PDB file of N, CA and C in Angstrom:
ATOM      1  N   MET A   1      14.768  39.279  18.919  1.00  0.00           N
ATOM      2  CA  MET A   1      13.670  38.527  19.502  1.00  0.00           C
ATOM      3  C   MET A   1      12.479  38.575  18.551  1.00  0.00           C
ATOM      4  N   LEU A   2      11.811  37.456  18.420  1.00  0.00           N
ATOM      5  CA  LEU A   2      10.642  37.372  17.555  1.00  0.00           C
ATOM      6  C   LEU A   2       9.399  37.881  18.282  1.00  0.00           C
ATOM      7  N   THR A   3       8.598  38.621  17.553  1.00  0.00           N
ATOM      8  CA  THR A   3       7.327  39.082  18.095  1.00  0.00           C
ATOM      9  C   THR A   3       6.261  38.019  17.835  1.00  0.00           C
ATOM     10  N   LYS A   4       5.096  38.225  18.407  1.00  0.00           N
ATOM     11  CA  LYS A   4       3.991  37.301  18.177  1.00  0.00           C
ATOM     12  C   LYS A   4       3.639  37.265  16.691  1.00  0.00           C
ATOM     13  N   ALA A   5       3.669  38.416  16.040  1.00  0.00           N
ATOM     14  CA  ALA A   5       3.390  38.474  14.598  1.00  0.00           C
ATOM     15  C   ALA A   5       4.445  37.691  13.814  1.00  0.00           C
ATOM     16  N   ASP A   6       5.712  37.800  14.251  1.00  0.00           N
ATOM     17  CA  ASP A   6       6.786  37.038  13.602  1.00  0.00           C
ATOM     18  C   ASP A   6       6.558  35.539  13.756  1.00  0.00           C
ATOM     19  N   LEU A   7       6.165  35.128  14.948  1.00  0.00           N
ATOM     20  CA  LEU A   7       5.905  33.706  15.190  1.00  0.00           C
ATOM     21  C   LEU A   7       4.740  33.196  14.347  1.00  0.00           C
ATOM     22  N   THR A   8       3.705  34.013  14.246  1.00  0.00           N
ATOM     23  CA  THR A   8       2.555  33.642  13.424  1.00  0.00           C
ATOM     24  C   THR A   8       2.977  33.503  11.969  1.00  0.00           C
ATOM     25  N   ARG A   9       3.766  34.447  11.486  1.00  0.00           N
ATOM     26  CA  ARG A   9       4.257  34.391  10.102  1.00  0.00           C
ATOM     27  C   ARG A   9       5.160  33.176   9.906  1.00  0.00           C
ATOM     28  N   ALA A  10       6.029  32.901  10.866  1.00  0.00           N
ATOM     29  CA  ALA A  10       6.934  31.753  10.766  1.00  0.00           C
ATOM     30  C   ALA A  10       6.135  30.453  10.736  1.00  0.00           C
ATOM     31  N   MET A  11       5.122  30.342  11.567  1.00  0.00           N
ATOM     32  CA  MET A  11       4.303  29.131  11.588  1.00  0.00           C
ATOM     33  C   MET A  11       3.571  28.938  10.257  1.00  0.00           C
ATOM     34  N   LYS A  12       3.110  30.035   9.664  1.00  0.00           N
ATOM     35  CA  LYS A  12       2.439  29.960   8.369  1.00  0.00           C
ATOM     36  C   LYS A  12       3.439  29.511   7.296  1.00  0.00           C
ATOM     37  N   LEU A  13       4.644  30.078   7.318  1.00  0.00           N
ATOM     38  CA  LEU A  13       5.677  29.690   6.352  1.00  0.00           C
ATOM     39  C   LEU A  13       6.039  28.211   6.494  1.00  0.00           C
ATOM     40  N   ILE A  14       6.157  27.754   7.717  1.00  0.00           N
ATOM     41  CA  ILE A  14       6.493  26.343   7.956  1.00  0.00           C
ATOM     42  C   ILE A  14       5.378  25.443   7.423  1.00  0.00           C
ATOM     43  N   SER A  15       4.142  25.820   7.667  1.00  0.00           N
ATOM     44  CA  SER A  15       3.010  25.034   7.185  1.00  0.00           C
ATOM     45  C   SER A  15       2.988  24.992   5.655  1.00  0.00           C
ATOM     46  N   GLU A  16       3.188  26.133   5.022  1.00  0.00           N
ATOM     47  CA  GLU A  16       3.203  26.197   3.554  1.00  0.00           C
ATOM     48  C   GLU A  16       4.368  25.397   2.977  1.00  0.00           C
ATOM     49  N   ARG A  17       5.528  25.499   3.619  1.00  0.00           N
ATOM     50  CA  ARG A  17       6.698  24.748   3.165  1.00  0.00           C
ATOM     51  C   ARG A  17       6.461  23.249   3.291  1.00  0.00           C
ATOM     52  N   ASP A  18       5.883  22.831   4.406  1.00  0.00           N
ATOM     53  CA  ASP A  18       5.600  21.405   4.611  1.00  0.00           C
ATOM     54  C   ASP A  18       4.590  20.883   3.595  1.00  0.00           C
ATOM     55  N   THR A  19       3.585  21.689   3.282  1.00  0.00           N
ATOM     56  CA  THR A  19       2.603  21.299   2.272  1.00  0.00           C
ATOM     57  C   THR A  19       3.268  21.150   0.910  1.00  0.00           C
ATOM     58  N   ALA A  20       4.101  22.108   0.538  1.00  0.00           N
ATOM     59  CA  ALA A  20       4.820  22.035  -0.740  1.00  0.00           C
ATOM     60  C   ALA A  20       5.703  20.797  -0.790  1.00  0.00           C
ATOM     61  N   GLN A  21       6.347  20.465   0.324  1.00  0.00           N
ATOM     62  CA  GLN A  21       7.222  19.285   0.360  1.00  0.00           C
ATOM     63  C   GLN A  21       6.409  18.000   0.219  1.00  0.00           C
ATOM     64  N   ARG A  22       5.258  17.928   0.866  1.00  0.00           N
ATOM     65  CA  ARG A  22       4.404  16.744   0.738  1.00  0.00           C
ATOM     66  C   ARG A  22       3.924  16.561  -0.702  1.00  0.00           C
ATOM     67  N   ILE A  23       3.507  17.662  -1.330  1.00  0.00           N
ATOM     68  CA  ILE A  23       3.056  17.585  -2.715  1.00  0.00           C
ATOM     69  C   ILE A  23       4.218  17.159  -3.608  1.00  0.00           C
ATOM     70  N   ARG A  24       5.399  17.719  -3.376  1.00  0.00           N
ATOM     71  CA  ARG A  24       6.572  17.354  -4.170  1.00  0.00           C
ATOM     72  C   ARG A  24       6.873  15.870  -4.034  1.00  0.00           C
ATOM     73  N   ASP A  25       6.813  15.370  -2.818  1.00  0.00           N
ATOM     74  CA  ASP A  25       7.074  13.948  -2.582  1.00  0.00           C
ATOM     75  C   ASP A  25       6.064  13.074  -3.332  1.00  0.00           C
ATOM     76  N   ARG A  26       4.811  13.489  -3.348  1.00  0.00           N
ATOM     77  CA  ARG A  26       3.777  12.711  -4.048  1.00  0.00           C
ATOM     78  C   ARG A  26       3.980  12.764  -5.552  1.00  0.00           C
ATOM     79  N   VAL A  27       4.305  13.944  -6.071  1.00  0.00           N
ATOM     80  CA  VAL A  27       4.484  14.091  -7.523  1.00  0.00           C
ATOM     81  C   VAL A  27       5.660  13.249  -8.007  1.00  0.00           C
ATOM     82  N   THR A  28       6.713  13.198  -7.223  1.00  0.00           N
ATOM     83  CA  THR A  28       7.904  12.458  -7.663  1.00  0.00           C
ATOM     84  C   THR A  28       7.859  10.988  -7.261  1.00  0.00           C
ATOM     85  N   GLY A  29       6.997  10.627  -6.329  1.00  0.00           N
ATOM     86  CA  GLY A  29       6.997   9.258  -5.833  1.00  0.00           C
ATOM     87  C   GLY A  29       5.809   8.407  -6.238  1.00  0.00           C
ATOM     88  N   GLN A  30       4.800   9.039  -6.798  1.00  0.00           N
ATOM     89  CA  GLN A  30       3.600   8.296  -7.164  1.00  0.00           C
ATOM     90  C   GLN A  30       3.267   8.526  -8.637  1.00  0.00           C
ATOM     91  N   ARG A  31       2.431   7.683  -9.155  1.00  0.00           N
ATOM     92  CA  ARG A  31       1.992   7.815 -10.538  1.00  0.00           C
ATOM     93  C   ARG A  31       1.188   9.099 -10.691  1.00  0.00           C
ATOM     94  N   VAL A  32       1.451   9.835 -11.763  1.00  0.00           N
ATOM     95  CA  VAL A  32       0.735  11.072 -12.056  1.00  0.00           C
ATOM     96  C   VAL A  32      -0.153  10.831 -13.268  1.00  0.00           C
ATOM     97  N   ALA A  33      -1.426  11.228 -13.157  1.00  0.00           N
ATOM     98  CA  ALA A  33      -2.361  11.046 -14.261  1.00  0.00           C
ATOM     99  C   ALA A  33      -3.211  12.304 -14.411  1.00  0.00           C
ATOM    100  N   LEU A  34      -3.597  12.584 -15.627  1.00  0.00           N
ATOM    101  CA  LEU A  34      -4.500  13.694 -15.918  1.00  0.00           C
ATOM    102  C   LEU A  34      -5.904  13.116 -16.049  1.00  0.00           C
ATOM    103  N   MET A  35      -6.783  13.528 -15.132  1.00  0.00           N
ATOM    104  CA  MET A  35      -8.141  12.996 -15.105  1.00  0.00           C
ATOM    105  C   MET A  35      -9.119  14.063 -15.612  1.00  0.00           C
ATOM    106  N   VAL A  36     -10.146  13.597 -16.336  1.00  0.00           N
ATOM    107  CA  VAL A  36     -11.197  14.461 -16.839  1.00  0.00           C
ATOM    108  C   VAL A  36     -12.524  13.922 -16.313  1.00  0.00           C
ATOM    109  N   GLY A  37     -13.329  14.798 -15.740  1.00  0.00           N
ATOM    110  CA  GLY A  37     -14.612  14.375 -15.206  1.00  0.00           C
ATOM    111  C   GLY A  37     -14.507  14.051 -13.727  1.00  0.00           C
ATOM    112  N   GLU A  38     -15.614  13.569 -13.179  1.00  0.00           N
ATOM    113  CA  GLU A  38     -15.670  13.263 -11.752  1.00  0.00           C
ATOM    114  C   GLU A  38     -16.323  11.921 -11.512  1.00  0.00           C
ATOM    115  N   GLY A  39     -15.948  11.306 -10.415  1.00  0.00           N
ATOM    116  CA  GLY A  39     -16.581  10.061  -9.984  1.00  0.00           C
ATOM    117  C   GLY A  39     -16.517   8.967 -11.026  1.00  0.00           C
ATOM    118  N   LYS A  40     -17.664   8.284 -11.219  1.00  0.00           N
ATOM    119  CA  LYS A  40     -17.732   7.163 -12.160  1.00  0.00           C
ATOM    120  C   LYS A  40     -17.544   7.615 -13.604  1.00  0.00           C
ATOM    121  N   ASP A  41     -17.800   8.889 -13.873  1.00  0.00           N
ATOM    122  CA  ASP A  41     -17.684   9.405 -15.232  1.00  0.00           C
ATOM    123  C   ASP A  41     -16.279   9.901 -15.567  1.00  0.00           C
ATOM    124  N   ALA A  42     -15.363   9.793 -14.633  1.00  0.00           N
ATOM    125  CA  ALA A  42     -14.002  10.286 -14.856  1.00  0.00           C
ATOM    126  C   ALA A  42     -13.274   9.408 -15.856  1.00  0.00           C
ATOM    127  N   GLY A  43     -12.460  10.040 -16.650  1.00  0.00           N
ATOM    128  CA  GLY A  43     -11.623   9.322 -17.603  1.00  0.00           C
ATOM    129  C   GLY A  43     -10.204   9.839 -17.521  1.00  0.00           C
ATOM    130  N   GLU A  44      -9.265   9.026 -17.906  1.00  0.00           N
ATOM    131  CA  GLU A  44      -7.854   9.398 -17.838  1.00  0.00           C
ATOM    132  C   GLU A  44      -7.361   9.783 -19.227  1.00  0.00           C
ATOM    133  N   VAL A  45      -6.680  10.904 -19.315  1.00  0.00           N
ATOM    134  CA  VAL A  45      -6.054  11.342 -20.558  1.00  0.00           C
ATOM    135  C   VAL A  45      -4.646  10.772 -20.566  1.00  0.00           C
ATOM    136  N   VAL A  46      -4.318  10.045 -21.602  1.00  0.00           N
ATOM    137  CA  VAL A  46      -2.997   9.431 -21.699  1.00  0.00           C
ATOM    138  C   VAL A  46      -2.042  10.440 -22.326  1.00  0.00           C
ATOM    139  N   LEU A  47      -0.976  10.737 -21.611  1.00  0.00           N
ATOM    140  CA  LEU A  47       0.034  11.678 -22.078  1.00  0.00           C
ATOM    141  C   LEU A  47       1.278  10.922 -22.492  1.00  0.00           C
ATOM    142  N   SER A  48       2.000  11.476 -23.436  1.00  0.00           N
ATOM    143  CA  SER A  48       3.263  10.839 -23.812  1.00  0.00           C
ATOM    144  C   SER A  48       4.217  10.907 -22.620  1.00  0.00           C
ATOM    145  N   ALA A  49       5.123   9.965 -22.567  1.00  0.00           N
ATOM    146  CA  ALA A  49       6.078   9.903 -21.454  1.00  0.00           C
ATOM    147  C   ALA A  49       6.899  11.186 -21.361  1.00  0.00           C
ATOM    148  N   ALA A  50       7.322  11.706 -22.485  1.00  0.00           N
ATOM    149  CA  ALA A  50       8.140  12.921 -22.486  1.00  0.00           C
ATOM    150  C   ALA A  50       7.348  14.128 -21.978  1.00  0.00           C
ATOM    151  N   TYR A  51       6.095  14.241 -22.423  1.00  0.00           N
ATOM    152  CA  TYR A  51       5.259  15.356 -21.988  1.00  0.00           C
ATOM    153  C   TYR A  51       4.978  15.262 -20.496  1.00  0.00           C
ATOM    154  N   LEU A  52       4.654  14.089 -20.020  1.00  0.00           N
ATOM    155  CA  LEU A  52       4.398  13.881 -18.599  1.00  0.00           C
ATOM    156  C   LEU A  52       5.649  14.189 -17.779  1.00  0.00           C
ATOM    157  N   ALA A  53       6.810  13.759 -18.266  1.00  0.00           N
ATOM    158  CA  ALA A  53       8.067  14.037 -17.558  1.00  0.00           C
ATOM    159  C   ALA A  53       8.311  15.537 -17.458  1.00  0.00           C
ATOM    160  N   GLN A  54       7.984  16.281 -18.516  1.00  0.00           N
ATOM    161  CA  GLN A  54       8.174  17.738 -18.492  1.00  0.00           C
ATOM    162  C   GLN A  54       7.223  18.397 -17.500  1.00  0.00           C
ATOM    163  N   ILE A  55       5.985  17.924 -17.457  1.00  0.00           N
ATOM    164  CA  ILE A  55       5.026  18.461 -16.484  1.00  0.00           C
ATOM    165  C   ILE A  55       5.530  18.219 -15.068  1.00  0.00           C
ATOM    166  N   ILE A  56       5.970  17.010 -14.789  1.00  0.00           N
ATOM    167  CA  ILE A  56       6.478  16.677 -13.457  1.00  0.00           C
ATOM    168  C   ILE A  56       7.703  17.522 -13.130  1.00  0.00           C
ATOM    169  N   ALA A  57       8.602  17.709 -14.088  1.00  0.00           N
ATOM    170  CA  ALA A  57       9.799  18.534 -13.864  1.00  0.00           C
ATOM    171  C   ALA A  57       9.412  19.979 -13.568  1.00  0.00           C
ATOM    172  N   ASP A  58       8.448  20.522 -14.298  1.00  0.00           N
ATOM    173  CA  ASP A  58       8.009  21.902 -14.070  1.00  0.00           C
ATOM    174  C   ASP A  58       7.364  22.068 -12.695  1.00  0.00           C
ATOM    175  N   VAL A  59       6.500  21.134 -12.331  1.00  0.00           N
ATOM    176  CA  VAL A  59       5.830  21.198 -11.024  1.00  0.00           C
ATOM    177  C   VAL A  59       6.868  21.055  -9.908  1.00  0.00           C
ATOM    178  N   THR A  60       7.794  20.121 -10.064  1.00  0.00           N
ATOM    179  CA  THR A  60       8.833  19.900  -9.059  1.00  0.00           C
ATOM    180  C   THR A  60       9.703  21.149  -8.907  1.00  0.00           C
ATOM    181  N   ALA A  61      10.088  21.766 -10.018  1.00  0.00           N
ATOM    182  CA  ALA A  61      10.915  22.976  -9.960  1.00  0.00           C
ATOM    183  C   ALA A  61      10.178  24.108  -9.242  1.00  0.00           C
ATOM    184  N   SER A  62       8.899  24.253  -9.527  1.00  0.00           N
ATOM    185  CA  SER A  62       8.114  25.290  -8.871  1.00  0.00           C
ATOM    186  C   SER A  62       8.014  25.042  -7.363  1.00  0.00           C
ATOM    187  N   LEU A  63       7.767  23.802  -6.986  1.00  0.00           N
ATOM    188  CA  LEU A  63       7.688  23.460  -5.561  1.00  0.00           C
ATOM    189  C   LEU A  63       9.041  23.655  -4.880  1.00  0.00           C
ATOM    190  N   ASP A  64      10.117  23.299  -5.565  1.00  0.00           N
ATOM    191  CA  ASP A  64      11.456  23.515  -5.006  1.00  0.00           C
ATOM    192  C   ASP A  64      11.709  25.006  -4.748  1.00  0.00           C
ATOM    193  N   GLN A  65      11.248  25.860  -5.667  1.00  0.00           N
ATOM    194  CA  GLN A  65      11.399  27.309  -5.476  1.00  0.00           C
ATOM    195  C   GLN A  65      10.608  27.777  -4.261  1.00  0.00           C
ATOM    196  N   GLN A  66       9.396  27.260  -4.099  1.00  0.00           N
ATOM    197  CA  GLN A  66       8.578  27.638  -2.948  1.00  0.00           C
ATOM    198  C   GLN A  66       9.240  27.204  -1.640  1.00  0.00           C
ATOM    199  N   ILE A  67       9.773  25.999  -1.627  1.00  0.00           N
ATOM    200  CA  ILE A  67      10.433  25.477  -0.421  1.00  0.00           C
ATOM    201  C   ILE A  67      11.672  26.291  -0.104  1.00  0.00           C
ATOM    202  N   THR A  68      12.468  26.596  -1.122  1.00  0.00           N
ATOM    203  CA  THR A  68      13.685  27.393  -0.932  1.00  0.00           C
ATOM    204  C   THR A  68      13.351  28.792  -0.423  1.00  0.00           C
ATOM    205  N   ALA A  69      12.318  29.408  -0.994  1.00  0.00           N
ATOM    206  CA  ALA A  69      11.915  30.747  -0.562  1.00  0.00           C
ATOM    207  C   ALA A  69      11.436  30.735   0.890  1.00  0.00           C
ATOM    208  N   ALA A  70      10.668  29.732   1.265  1.00  0.00           N
ATOM    209  CA  ALA A  70      10.195  29.630   2.651  1.00  0.00           C
ATOM    210  C   ALA A  70      11.364  29.431   3.601  1.00  0.00           C
ATOM    211  N   ASN A  71      12.306  28.560   3.225  1.00  0.00           N
ATOM    212  CA  ASN A  71      13.486  28.334   4.073  1.00  0.00           C
ATOM    213  C   ASN A  71      14.302  29.614   4.229  1.00  0.00           C
ATOM    214  N   ALA A  72      14.465  30.369   3.136  1.00  0.00           N
ATOM    215  CA  ALA A  72      15.227  31.623   3.204  1.00  0.00           C
ATOM    216  C   ALA A  72      14.524  32.640   4.110  1.00  0.00           C
ATOM    217  N   ALA A  73      13.197  32.741   3.977  1.00  0.00           N
ATOM    218  CA  ALA A  73      12.446  33.673   4.817  1.00  0.00           C
ATOM    219  C   ALA A  73      12.546  33.292   6.284  1.00  0.00           C
ATOM    220  N   LEU A  74      12.460  32.003   6.569  1.00  0.00           N
ATOM    221  CA  LEU A  74      12.589  31.551   7.960  1.00  0.00           C
ATOM    222  C   LEU A  74      13.992  31.839   8.497  1.00  0.00           C
ATOM    223  N   THR A  75      15.003  31.577   7.689  1.00  0.00           N
ATOM    224  CA  THR A  75      16.381  31.849   8.111  1.00  0.00           C
ATOM    225  C   THR A  75      16.578  33.328   8.387  1.00  0.00           C
ATOM    226  N   ASP A  76      16.027  34.175   7.509  1.00  0.00           N
ATOM    227  CA  ASP A  76      16.121  35.630   7.710  1.00  0.00           C
ATOM    228  C   ASP A  76      15.446  36.071   9.005  1.00  0.00           C
ATOM    229  N   MET A  77      14.424  35.331   9.412  1.00  0.00           N
ATOM    230  CA  MET A  77      13.724  35.657  10.659  1.00  0.00           C
ATOM    231  C   MET A  77      14.469  35.113  11.874  1.00  0.00           C
ATOM    232  N   GLY A  78      15.471  34.276  11.621  1.00  0.00           N
ATOM    233  CA  GLY A  78      16.208  33.663  12.731  1.00  0.00           C
ATOM    234  C   GLY A  78      15.601  32.363  13.179  1.00  0.00           C
ATOM    235  N   VAL A  79      14.754  31.782  12.320  1.00  0.00           N
ATOM    236  CA  VAL A  79      14.105  30.504  12.637  1.00  0.00           C
ATOM    237  C   VAL A  79      14.782  29.426  11.795  1.00  0.00           C
ATOM    238  N   GLU A  80      15.175  28.334  12.436  1.00  0.00           N
ATOM    239  CA  GLU A  80      15.807  27.248  11.698  1.00  0.00           C
ATOM    240  C   GLU A  80      14.765  26.506  10.870  1.00  0.00           C
ATOM    241  N   PRO A  81      15.001  26.400   9.541  1.00  0.00           N
ATOM    242  CA  PRO A  81      14.004  25.722   8.697  1.00  0.00           C
ATOM    243  C   PRO A  81      13.985  24.270   8.892  1.00  0.00           C
TER     244      PRO A  81
END
């Protein structure tokens, strides 16, 4: 049986996992740009396609690890991810 502390931890893990999944979806589904500055003074740094692809792959791999770890922790607690 889960305690109140377990439920609180599970809810936090679910929230963190969902956030990681949303960020992953945006990184892989939308244009990624490196911006410098703020507001009207912001400028975009143009990256080579290969470099940008590597950045996206690294970020995606890291997010996948976070999602997998959260799912494993939830499963260990007896909560379906």
